[in-house]
Amino acid sequence: MLSFYITINTAKRAIEQHIEREHNGVLKTLLSLEKDITGLTEIQSKIITGLMEKKESKKLAEEMGISPSTVRTHKFYLQKLKRQSKIFLTIMNLLEIQEEEVESKELLKNEKLNEELLKSSCETNSLHPFFTQYNLK
């Protein structure tokens, strides 16, 4: 069993190294996707890259040719976007759960209806006359 976990950890580490080596890491790969997919502007992507590289607002502002207060404003907006995204995902997950509950209730309702139909058909003499003449319901 221990060798199984060692193999999994080795494979996981190999995958992480591959992603880092060949794709510059997961974060950079995601940031390189188009705006329609990420929803991020070019400036926002640069700010996130700067955050990933642990750059201070002043240094990042110099590199981007904007003021440090603009960088701080973008950071604030990204945090706001993060909160909104979490709430949106929670809403969508709750909606999905609610839909699953409705489907489950419908299934239960149909099962109960089928049971009632089966029970009522057994109560009425719907059996072949051979069985009903001997009262073998």
C-alpha atoms as a PDB file:
ATOM      1  CA  MET A   1       0.000   0.000   0.000  1.00  0.00           C
ATOM      2  CA  LEU A   2       2.888   2.342   0.786  1.00  0.00           C
ATOM      3  CA  SER A   3       4.384   1.822  -2.658  1.00  0.00           C
ATOM      4  CA  PHE A   4       1.025   2.844  -4.154  1.00  0.00           C
ATOM      5  CA  TYR A   5       1.188   6.228  -2.381  1.00  0.00           C
ATOM      6  CA  ILE A   6       4.831   6.688  -3.353  1.00  0.00           C
ATOM      7  CA  THR A   7       3.910   6.009  -6.991  1.00  0.00           C
ATOM      8  CA  ILE A   8       1.031   8.501  -6.842  1.00  0.00           C
ATOM      9  CA  ASN A   9       3.223  11.163  -5.250  1.00  0.00           C
ATOM     10  CA  THR A  10       5.976  10.557  -7.806  1.00  0.00           C
ATOM     11  CA  ALA A  11       3.476  10.814 -10.675  1.00  0.00           C
ATOM     12  CA  LYS A  12       1.937  13.944  -9.190  1.00  0.00           C
ATOM     13  CA  ARG A  13       5.360  15.536  -8.809  1.00  0.00           C
ATOM     14  CA  ALA A  14       6.232  14.606 -12.413  1.00  0.00           C
ATOM     15  CA  ILE A  15       3.025  16.224 -13.665  1.00  0.00           C
ATOM     16  CA  GLU A  16       3.688  19.391 -11.652  1.00  0.00           C
ATOM     17  CA  GLN A  17       7.248  19.572 -13.001  1.00  0.00           C
ATOM     18  CA  HIS A  18       6.013  19.070 -16.568  1.00  0.00           C
ATOM     19  CA  ILE A  19       3.436  21.847 -16.214  1.00  0.00           C
ATOM     20  CA  GLU A  20       6.036  24.192 -14.759  1.00  0.00           C
ATOM     21  CA  ARG A  21       8.720  23.335 -17.327  1.00  0.00           C
ATOM     22  CA  GLU A  22       6.619  23.120 -20.496  1.00  0.00           C
ATOM     23  CA  HIS A  23       3.769  25.530 -19.748  1.00  0.00           C
ATOM     24  CA  ASN A  24       5.332  28.027 -17.296  1.00  0.00           C
ATOM     25  CA  GLY A  25       2.973  26.851 -14.550  1.00  0.00           C
ATOM     26  CA  VAL A  26      -0.788  26.641 -14.255  1.00  0.00           C
ATOM     27  CA  LEU A  27      -1.322  30.312 -13.409  1.00  0.00           C
ATOM     28  CA  LYS A  28       0.646  31.621 -16.377  1.00  0.00           C
ATOM     29  CA  THR A  29      -1.078  29.146 -18.682  1.00  0.00           C
ATOM     30  CA  LEU A  30      -4.504  30.300 -17.490  1.00  0.00           C
ATOM     31  CA  LEU A  31      -3.505  33.947 -17.812  1.00  0.00           C
ATOM     32  CA  SER A  32      -2.404  33.331 -21.405  1.00  0.00           C
ATOM     33  CA  LEU A  33      -5.932  32.278 -22.380  1.00  0.00           C
ATOM     34  CA  GLU A  34      -8.131  34.703 -24.313  1.00  0.00           C
ATOM     35  CA  LYS A  35     -10.225  37.365 -22.579  1.00  0.00           C
ATOM     36  CA  ASP A  36     -13.496  35.616 -23.536  1.00  0.00           C
ATOM     37  CA  ILE A  37     -12.386  32.626 -21.485  1.00  0.00           C
ATOM     38  CA  THR A  38     -10.808  34.336 -18.461  1.00  0.00           C
ATOM     39  CA  GLY A  39     -12.869  37.514 -18.389  1.00  0.00           C
ATOM     40  CA  LEU A  40      -9.674  39.420 -17.535  1.00  0.00           C
ATOM     41  CA  THR A  41      -8.339  42.466 -19.322  1.00  0.00           C
ATOM     42  CA  GLU A  42      -4.689  42.641 -20.359  1.00  0.00           C
ATOM     43  CA  ILE A  43      -3.949  45.040 -17.483  1.00  0.00           C
ATOM     44  CA  GLN A  44      -5.634  42.725 -14.968  1.00  0.00           C
ATOM     45  CA  SER A  45      -3.578  39.804 -16.266  1.00  0.00           C
ATOM     46  CA  LYS A  46      -0.392  41.847 -15.861  1.00  0.00           C
ATOM     47  CA  ILE A  47      -1.386  42.844 -12.320  1.00  0.00           C
ATOM     48  CA  ILE A  48      -2.046  39.190 -11.420  1.00  0.00           C
ATOM     49  CA  THR A  49       1.298  38.199 -12.945  1.00  0.00           C
ATOM     50  CA  GLY A  50       2.963  40.888 -10.824  1.00  0.00           C
ATOM     51  CA  LEU A  51       1.194  39.589  -7.718  1.00  0.00           C
ATOM     52  CA  MET A  52       2.351  36.085  -8.544  1.00  0.00           C
ATOM     53  CA  GLU A  53       5.922  37.336  -8.839  1.00  0.00           C
ATOM     54  CA  LYS A  54       5.523  39.134  -5.461  1.00  0.00           C
ATOM     55  CA  LYS A  55       6.194  42.566  -6.961  1.00  0.00           C
ATOM     56  CA  GLU A  56       5.310  45.652  -4.963  1.00  0.00           C
ATOM     57  CA  SER A  57       2.745  48.079  -6.360  1.00  0.00           C
ATOM     58  CA  LYS A  58       5.397  50.749  -6.948  1.00  0.00           C
ATOM     59  CA  LYS A  59       7.645  48.403  -8.972  1.00  0.00           C
ATOM     60  CA  LEU A  60       4.699  47.028 -10.925  1.00  0.00           C
ATOM     61  CA  ALA A  61       3.468  50.556 -11.673  1.00  0.00           C
ATOM     62  CA  GLU A  62       6.888  51.548 -13.031  1.00  0.00           C
ATOM     63  CA  GLU A  63       7.003  48.501 -15.313  1.00  0.00           C
ATOM     64  CA  MET A  64       3.477  49.111 -16.597  1.00  0.00           C
ATOM     65  CA  GLY A  65       3.840  52.884 -16.928  1.00  0.00           C
ATOM     66  CA  ILE A  66       0.951  53.654 -14.566  1.00  0.00           C
ATOM     67  CA  SER A  67       0.729  55.138 -11.077  1.00  0.00           C
ATOM     68  CA  PRO A  68       0.973  53.004  -7.913  1.00  0.00           C
ATOM     69  CA  SER A  69      -2.534  54.121  -6.923  1.00  0.00           C
ATOM     70  CA  THR A  70      -3.862  52.719 -10.225  1.00  0.00           C
ATOM     71  CA  VAL A  71      -2.183  49.411  -9.424  1.00  0.00           C
ATOM     72  CA  ARG A  72      -3.805  49.429  -5.970  1.00  0.00           C
ATOM     73  CA  THR A  73      -7.176  50.234  -7.543  1.00  0.00           C
ATOM     74  CA  HIS A  74      -6.797  47.251  -9.889  1.00  0.00           C
ATOM     75  CA  LYS A  75      -5.837  45.001  -6.964  1.00  0.00           C
ATOM     76  CA  PHE A  76      -8.917  46.171  -5.049  1.00  0.00           C
ATOM     77  CA  TYR A  77     -11.122  45.513  -8.080  1.00  0.00           C
ATOM     78  CA  LEU A  78      -9.646  42.015  -8.508  1.00  0.00           C
ATOM     79  CA  GLN A  79     -10.438  41.229  -4.856  1.00  0.00           C
ATOM     80  CA  LYS A  80     -13.986  42.507  -5.403  1.00  0.00           C
ATOM     81  CA  LEU A  81     -14.271  40.321  -8.509  1.00  0.00           C
ATOM     82  CA  LYS A  82     -13.047  37.334  -6.480  1.00  0.00           C
ATOM     83  CA  ARG A  83     -15.773  37.869  -3.843  1.00  0.00           C
ATOM     84  CA  GLN A  84     -18.429  38.272  -6.534  1.00  0.00           C
ATOM     85  CA  SER A  85     -17.255  35.123  -8.294  1.00  0.00           C
ATOM     86  CA  LYS A  86     -17.461  33.080  -5.096  1.00  0.00           C
ATOM     87  CA  ILE A  87     -20.999  34.295  -4.459  1.00  0.00           C
ATOM     88  CA  PHE A  88     -22.001  33.602  -8.068  1.00  0.00           C
ATOM     89  CA  LEU A  89     -20.573  30.064  -7.910  1.00  0.00           C
ATOM     90  CA  THR A  90     -22.411  29.459  -4.632  1.00  0.00           C
ATOM     91  CA  ILE A  91     -25.671  30.654  -6.185  1.00  0.00           C
ATOM     92  CA  MET A  92     -25.206  28.387  -9.202  1.00  0.00           C
ATOM     93  CA  ASN A  93     -24.339  25.390  -7.005  1.00  0.00           C
ATOM     94  CA  LEU A  94     -27.414  25.984  -4.851  1.00  0.00           C
ATOM     95  CA  LEU A  95     -29.547  26.238  -7.971  1.00  0.00           C
ATOM     96  CA  GLU A  96     -28.115  22.939  -9.182  1.00  0.00           C
ATOM     97  CA  ILE A  97     -28.820  21.304  -5.812  1.00  0.00           C
ATOM     98  CA  GLN A  98     -32.376  22.658  -5.885  1.00  0.00           C
ATOM     99  CA  GLU A  99     -32.917  21.229  -9.391  1.00  0.00           C
ATOM    100  CA  GLU A 100     -31.601  17.849  -8.230  1.00  0.00           C
ATOM    101  CA  GLU A 101     -33.978  17.912  -5.262  1.00  0.00           C
ATOM    102  CA  VAL A 102     -36.937  18.652  -7.553  1.00  0.00           C
ATOM    103  CA  GLU A 103     -35.905  15.772  -9.819  1.00  0.00           C
ATOM    104  CA  SER A 104     -35.582  13.475  -6.793  1.00  0.00           C
ATOM    105  CA  LYS A 105     -39.046  14.487  -5.551  1.00  0.00           C
ATOM    106  CA  GLU A 106     -40.474  13.812  -9.014  1.00  0.00           C
ATOM    107  CA  LEU A 107     -38.845  10.369  -9.060  1.00  0.00           C
ATOM    108  CA  LEU A 108     -40.230   9.564  -5.610  1.00  0.00           C
ATOM    109  CA  LYS A 109     -43.650  10.811  -6.651  1.00  0.00           C
ATOM    110  CA  ASN A 110     -43.561   8.586  -9.758  1.00  0.00           C
ATOM    111  CA  GLU A 111     -42.409   5.585  -7.700  1.00  0.00           C
ATOM    112  CA  LYS A 112     -45.278   6.090  -5.245  1.00  0.00           C
ATOM    113  CA  LEU A 113     -47.737   6.434  -8.109  1.00  0.00           C
ATOM    114  CA  ASN A 114     -46.434   3.209  -9.674  1.00  0.00           C
ATOM    115  CA  GLU A 115     -46.739   1.413  -6.320  1.00  0.00           C
ATOM    116  CA  GLU A 116     -50.318   2.639  -5.930  1.00  0.00           C
ATOM    117  CA  LEU A 117     -51.199   1.539  -9.466  1.00  0.00           C
ATOM    118  CA  LEU A 118     -49.670  -1.868  -8.875  1.00  0.00           C
ATOM    119  CA  LYS A 119     -51.487  -2.222  -5.564  1.00  0.00           C
ATOM    120  CA  SER A 120     -54.833  -1.170  -7.010  1.00  0.00           C
ATOM    121  CA  SER A 121     -54.442  -3.491  -9.994  1.00  0.00           C
ATOM    122  CA  CYS A 122     -53.761  -6.366  -7.621  1.00  0.00           C
ATOM    123  CA  GLU A 123     -56.818  -5.508  -5.540  1.00  0.00           C
ATOM    124  CA  THR A 124     -59.127  -5.576  -8.524  1.00  0.00           C
ATOM    125  CA  ASN A 125     -59.558  -8.977 -10.068  1.00  0.00           C
ATOM    126  CA  SER A 126     -57.219  -8.335 -12.935  1.00  0.00           C
ATOM    127  CA  LEU A 127     -55.773 -11.819 -12.639  1.00  0.00           C
ATOM    128  CA  HIS A 128     -56.575 -14.573 -15.045  1.00  0.00           C
ATOM    129  CA  PRO A 129     -59.886 -16.275 -14.265  1.00  0.00           C
ATOM    130  CA  PHE A 130     -58.062 -19.530 -13.473  1.00  0.00           C
ATOM    131  CA  PHE A 131     -56.473 -17.892 -10.419  1.00  0.00           C
ATOM    132  CA  THR A 132     -59.516 -15.952  -9.300  1.00  0.00           C
ATOM    133  CA  GLN A 133     -61.803 -18.994  -9.217  1.00  0.00           C
ATOM    134  CA  TYR A 134     -59.599 -20.500  -6.500  1.00  0.00           C
ATOM    135  CA  ASN A 135     -59.234 -17.198  -4.703  1.00  0.00           C
ATOM    136  CA  LEU A 136     -55.428 -17.218  -5.118  1.00  0.00           C
ATOM    137  CA  LYS A 137     -54.785 -13.528  -5.292  1.00  0.00           C
END
